[in-house]
Amino acid sequence: MSRTFILLFVICGLCLSASAQDAPEPQTLVPGQPVEREIAGGESHNYRIALQAGQFMRVVVEQKAIDVTLKLADPDGKQLVETNLTGVGDEEALSLEALTAGSYELTVRAIGAATMRGSYELETTFRASATEQDRKRLTAETLLGEARELGKPSGKTTLQIIEKIQQALTLWRELGDPHWTAFSLWMFGDVYRDTNQFEKAL
């Protein structure tokens, strides 16, 4: 009987050790070096980003056959931003002007069942300090995220949603960004369709 318990103890120990090895350390992102990885629904990939105070960072993720959410946490582990504006086949983006120096953590999490598989390509841009255009981009992203959050209780805050999308649209046009300009217009159409204003939606 004692031998059986010893054997079970050894097997459990090996399983725990293998489990610990299966949880990889966050990968460090390097500017100008794209990362392309496969991912399954419900799976998360973590990345470490070393930033100095005042430094600007932008992450762009191209979603290939799967939808992902991006989350960014500060050096203390506090979540700063979470975004999932777009879907499969589109790009997701996240920008930050770092307030403190340290190691930030980016999480890419795939939406859907574990049987769903796809891939994504992640690119990062870093600057020593944010430019006026960088801050406009950051503000526009924040406005679209706020508009999406307001839209969850459908129809209750339509005017506020439209106002935020309009502010974001103005910034995207100033930046000359056709992708996010088009996406903002699509969001307008979505809001008007949900409130049965079909001519405005068109």
Protein backbone atom coordinates (compact mmCIF):
# COMPACT_ATOMS: atom_id res chain seq x y z
CA MET A 1 0.00 0.00 0.00
CA SER A 2 2.82 2.39 0.94
CA ARG A 3 4.53 1.76 -2.39
CA THR A 4 1.30 2.71 -4.19
CA PHE A 5 1.11 6.00 -2.27
CA ILE A 6 4.77 6.75 -3.02
CA LEU A 7 4.17 6.05 -6.73
CA LEU A 8 1.11 8.32 -6.78
CA PHE A 9 3.08 11.05 -4.99
CA VAL A 10 5.90 10.86 -7.57
CA ILE A 11 3.41 10.97 -10.49
CA CYS A 12 1.62 14.00 -8.99
CA GLY A 13 4.95 15.74 -8.51
CA LEU A 14 5.93 15.13 -12.13
CA CYS A 15 2.53 16.41 -13.35
CA LEU A 16 2.86 19.61 -11.32
CA SER A 17 6.38 20.12 -12.59
CA ALA A 18 5.27 19.65 -16.21
CA SER A 19 2.38 22.05 -15.62
CA ALA A 20 4.73 24.73 -14.34
CA GLN A 21 6.97 24.28 -17.37
CA ASP A 22 3.96 24.59 -19.70
CA ALA A 23 3.27 28.18 -18.49
CA PRO A 24 5.89 30.14 -20.44
CA GLU A 25 7.31 33.44 -19.30
CA PRO A 26 5.96 36.52 -21.12
CA GLN A 27 7.83 37.16 -24.36
CA THR A 28 9.62 40.52 -24.59
CA LEU A 29 8.48 42.66 -27.52
CA VAL A 30 11.18 44.30 -29.63
CA PRO A 31 10.40 47.38 -31.79
CA GLY A 32 10.45 46.59 -35.50
CA GLN A 33 10.32 42.82 -34.96
CA PRO A 34 6.82 41.48 -35.83
CA VAL A 35 5.50 38.47 -33.93
CA GLU A 36 3.31 35.92 -35.72
CA ARG A 37 1.71 33.13 -33.69
CA GLU A 38 -1.11 30.61 -33.79
CA ILE A 39 -3.72 30.75 -31.04
CA ALA A 40 -6.84 28.81 -30.01
CA GLY A 41 -10.11 30.12 -28.58
CA GLY A 42 -9.79 30.93 -24.86
CA GLU A 43 -5.99 30.89 -25.05
CA SER A 44 -3.87 33.89 -23.98
CA HIS A 45 -0.37 35.02 -24.96
CA ASN A 46 1.49 37.44 -22.67
CA TYR A 47 4.16 39.93 -23.70
CA ARG A 48 6.47 42.10 -21.65
CA ILE A 49 7.13 45.69 -22.76
CA ALA A 50 9.82 47.79 -21.08
CA LEU A 51 8.93 51.50 -21.21
CA GLN A 52 10.35 54.73 -19.82
CA ALA A 53 8.15 57.48 -18.39
CA GLY A 54 6.77 59.61 -21.24
CA GLN A 55 7.51 56.98 -23.89
CA PHE A 56 4.86 56.26 -26.54
CA MET A 57 3.94 52.75 -27.65
CA ARG A 58 1.51 51.51 -30.29
CA VAL A 59 0.54 47.89 -30.86
CA VAL A 60 -1.23 46.76 -34.05
CA VAL A 61 -2.55 43.19 -34.30
CA GLU A 62 -3.78 41.69 -37.57
CA GLN A 63 -6.39 39.03 -36.71
CA LYS A 64 -6.22 36.02 -39.03
CA ALA A 65 -9.19 33.63 -38.80
CA ILE A 66 -9.76 34.47 -35.12
CA ASP A 67 -10.92 37.42 -33.01
CA VAL A 68 -8.68 38.64 -30.19
CA THR A 69 -8.94 41.02 -27.24
CA LEU A 70 -5.96 43.16 -26.20
CA LYS A 71 -5.32 44.04 -22.55
CA LEU A 72 -2.52 46.17 -21.16
CA ALA A 73 -1.41 46.26 -17.51
CA ASP A 74 1.01 48.70 -15.84
CA PRO A 75 4.16 47.62 -13.92
CA ASP A 76 2.03 47.14 -10.76
CA GLY A 77 -0.33 44.78 -12.58
CA LYS A 78 -3.22 47.27 -12.78
CA GLN A 79 -5.20 47.00 -16.02
CA LEU A 80 -4.94 50.23 -18.03
CA VAL A 81 -6.93 49.43 -21.14
CA GLU A 82 -8.82 46.59 -22.82
CA THR A 83 -9.92 46.73 -26.43
CA ASN A 84 -11.78 44.52 -28.88
CA LEU A 85 -13.31 46.90 -31.42
CA THR A 86 -12.89 44.82 -34.56
CA GLY A 87 -13.32 41.20 -35.62
CA VAL A 88 -11.73 38.42 -37.65
CA GLY A 89 -9.70 39.62 -40.63
CA ASP A 90 -9.39 43.18 -39.34
CA GLU A 91 -6.73 44.95 -37.27
CA GLU A 92 -6.94 45.69 -33.57
CA ALA A 93 -4.85 48.56 -32.18
CA LEU A 94 -3.80 49.87 -28.79
CA SER A 95 -1.70 52.93 -27.91
CA LEU A 96 -0.16 54.18 -24.67
CA GLU A 97 1.81 57.14 -23.38
CA ALA A 98 3.60 55.65 -20.36
CA LEU A 99 3.19 57.59 -17.11
CA THR A 100 5.78 55.56 -15.21
CA ALA A 101 8.87 53.57 -16.14
CA GLY A 102 8.79 49.80 -15.81
CA SER A 103 7.70 46.52 -17.35
CA TYR A 104 4.20 46.65 -18.82
CA GLU A 105 2.34 43.47 -19.81
CA LEU A 106 0.27 43.00 -22.96
CA THR A 107 -2.18 40.09 -23.14
CA VAL A 108 -3.57 38.83 -26.44
CA ARG A 109 -6.60 36.62 -25.71
CA ALA A 110 -8.51 34.70 -28.39
CA ILE A 111 -12.32 34.78 -28.35
CA GLY A 112 -14.37 31.64 -28.94
CA ALA A 113 -14.36 27.91 -28.21
CA ALA A 114 -11.13 25.97 -27.72
CA THR A 115 -11.81 24.15 -31.00
CA MET A 116 -11.41 27.43 -32.91
CA ARG A 117 -7.89 28.07 -34.17
CA GLY A 118 -6.34 30.98 -35.99
CA SER A 119 -3.29 33.19 -35.94
CA TYR A 120 -2.34 36.82 -35.56
CA GLU A 121 0.55 39.12 -36.45
CA LEU A 122 1.60 41.69 -33.88
CA GLU A 123 3.73 44.77 -34.59
CA THR A 124 4.92 47.40 -32.13
CA THR A 125 6.07 50.98 -32.57
CA PHE A 126 7.99 52.83 -29.85
CA ARG A 127 8.96 56.49 -29.59
CA ALA A 128 10.96 58.31 -26.92
CA SER A 129 8.05 60.71 -26.50
CA ALA A 130 4.56 61.09 -27.92
CA THR A 131 4.04 63.51 -30.81
CA GLU A 132 0.90 65.60 -31.30
CA GLN A 133 -0.30 63.02 -33.84
CA ASP A 134 0.36 60.18 -31.37
CA ARG A 135 -1.81 61.90 -28.76
CA LYS A 136 -4.58 62.43 -31.32
CA ARG A 137 -4.44 58.73 -32.18
CA LEU A 138 -4.54 57.78 -28.51
CA THR A 139 -7.55 60.06 -27.92
CA ALA A 140 -9.38 58.70 -30.98
CA GLU A 141 -8.86 55.10 -29.83
CA THR A 142 -10.13 55.99 -26.35
CA LEU A 143 -13.24 57.68 -27.79
CA LEU A 144 -14.12 54.63 -29.91
CA GLY A 145 -13.65 52.36 -26.90
CA GLU A 146 -15.93 54.57 -24.80
CA ALA A 147 -18.53 54.62 -27.59
CA ARG A 148 -18.48 50.82 -27.73
CA GLU A 149 -18.94 50.59 -23.94
CA LEU A 150 -21.87 53.04 -24.04
CA GLY A 151 -23.46 50.99 -26.78
CA LYS A 152 -23.82 47.88 -24.62
CA PRO A 153 -27.17 48.97 -23.12
CA SER A 154 -28.56 49.48 -26.65
CA GLY A 155 -30.61 52.62 -27.34
CA LYS A 156 -30.16 54.26 -23.93
CA THR A 157 -27.27 56.58 -24.76
CA THR A 158 -27.44 57.02 -28.53
CA LEU A 159 -26.60 60.74 -28.51
CA GLN A 160 -23.50 60.22 -26.37
CA ILE A 161 -22.35 57.36 -28.59
CA ILE A 162 -22.75 59.44 -31.75
CA GLU A 163 -20.94 62.36 -30.15
CA LYS A 164 -17.93 60.23 -29.24
CA ILE A 165 -17.77 58.57 -32.66
CA GLN A 166 -17.97 62.01 -34.31
CA GLN A 167 -15.08 63.30 -32.19
CA ALA A 168 -13.03 60.22 -33.07
CA LEU A 169 -13.91 60.51 -36.77
CA THR A 170 -12.68 64.12 -36.83
CA LEU A 171 -9.33 63.03 -35.35
CA TRP A 172 -8.91 60.08 -37.74
CA ARG A 173 -9.55 62.41 -40.68
CA GLU A 174 -6.98 64.88 -39.35
CA LEU A 175 -4.51 62.00 -39.07
CA GLY A 176 -5.30 60.88 -42.63
CA ASP A 177 -6.00 57.31 -41.45
CA PRO A 178 -8.40 55.71 -43.99
CA HIS A 179 -8.81 52.44 -42.06
CA TRP A 180 -10.03 53.95 -38.79
CA THR A 181 -11.97 56.67 -40.61
CA ALA A 182 -13.92 53.92 -42.39
CA PHE A 183 -14.36 51.99 -39.15
CA SER A 184 -15.77 55.08 -37.41
CA LEU A 185 -18.27 55.55 -40.25
CA TRP A 186 -19.24 51.88 -39.94
CA MET A 187 -19.87 52.44 -36.21
CA PHE A 188 -22.19 55.34 -37.11
CA GLY A 189 -24.13 53.04 -39.43
CA ASP A 190 -24.35 50.39 -36.73
CA VAL A 191 -25.79 52.85 -34.17
CA TYR A 192 -28.36 54.24 -36.62
CA ARG A 193 -29.40 50.75 -37.73
CA ASP A 194 -29.93 49.67 -34.10
CA THR A 195 -32.20 52.69 -33.55
CA ASN A 196 -34.16 52.05 -36.79
CA GLN A 197 -32.79 55.19 -38.52
CA PHE A 198 -32.09 53.28 -41.71
CA GLU A 199 -31.62 56.22 -44.07
CA LYS A 200 -28.97 57.71 -41.76
CA ALA A 201 -27.40 54.28 -41.46
CA LEU A 202 -27.00 54.11 -45.24
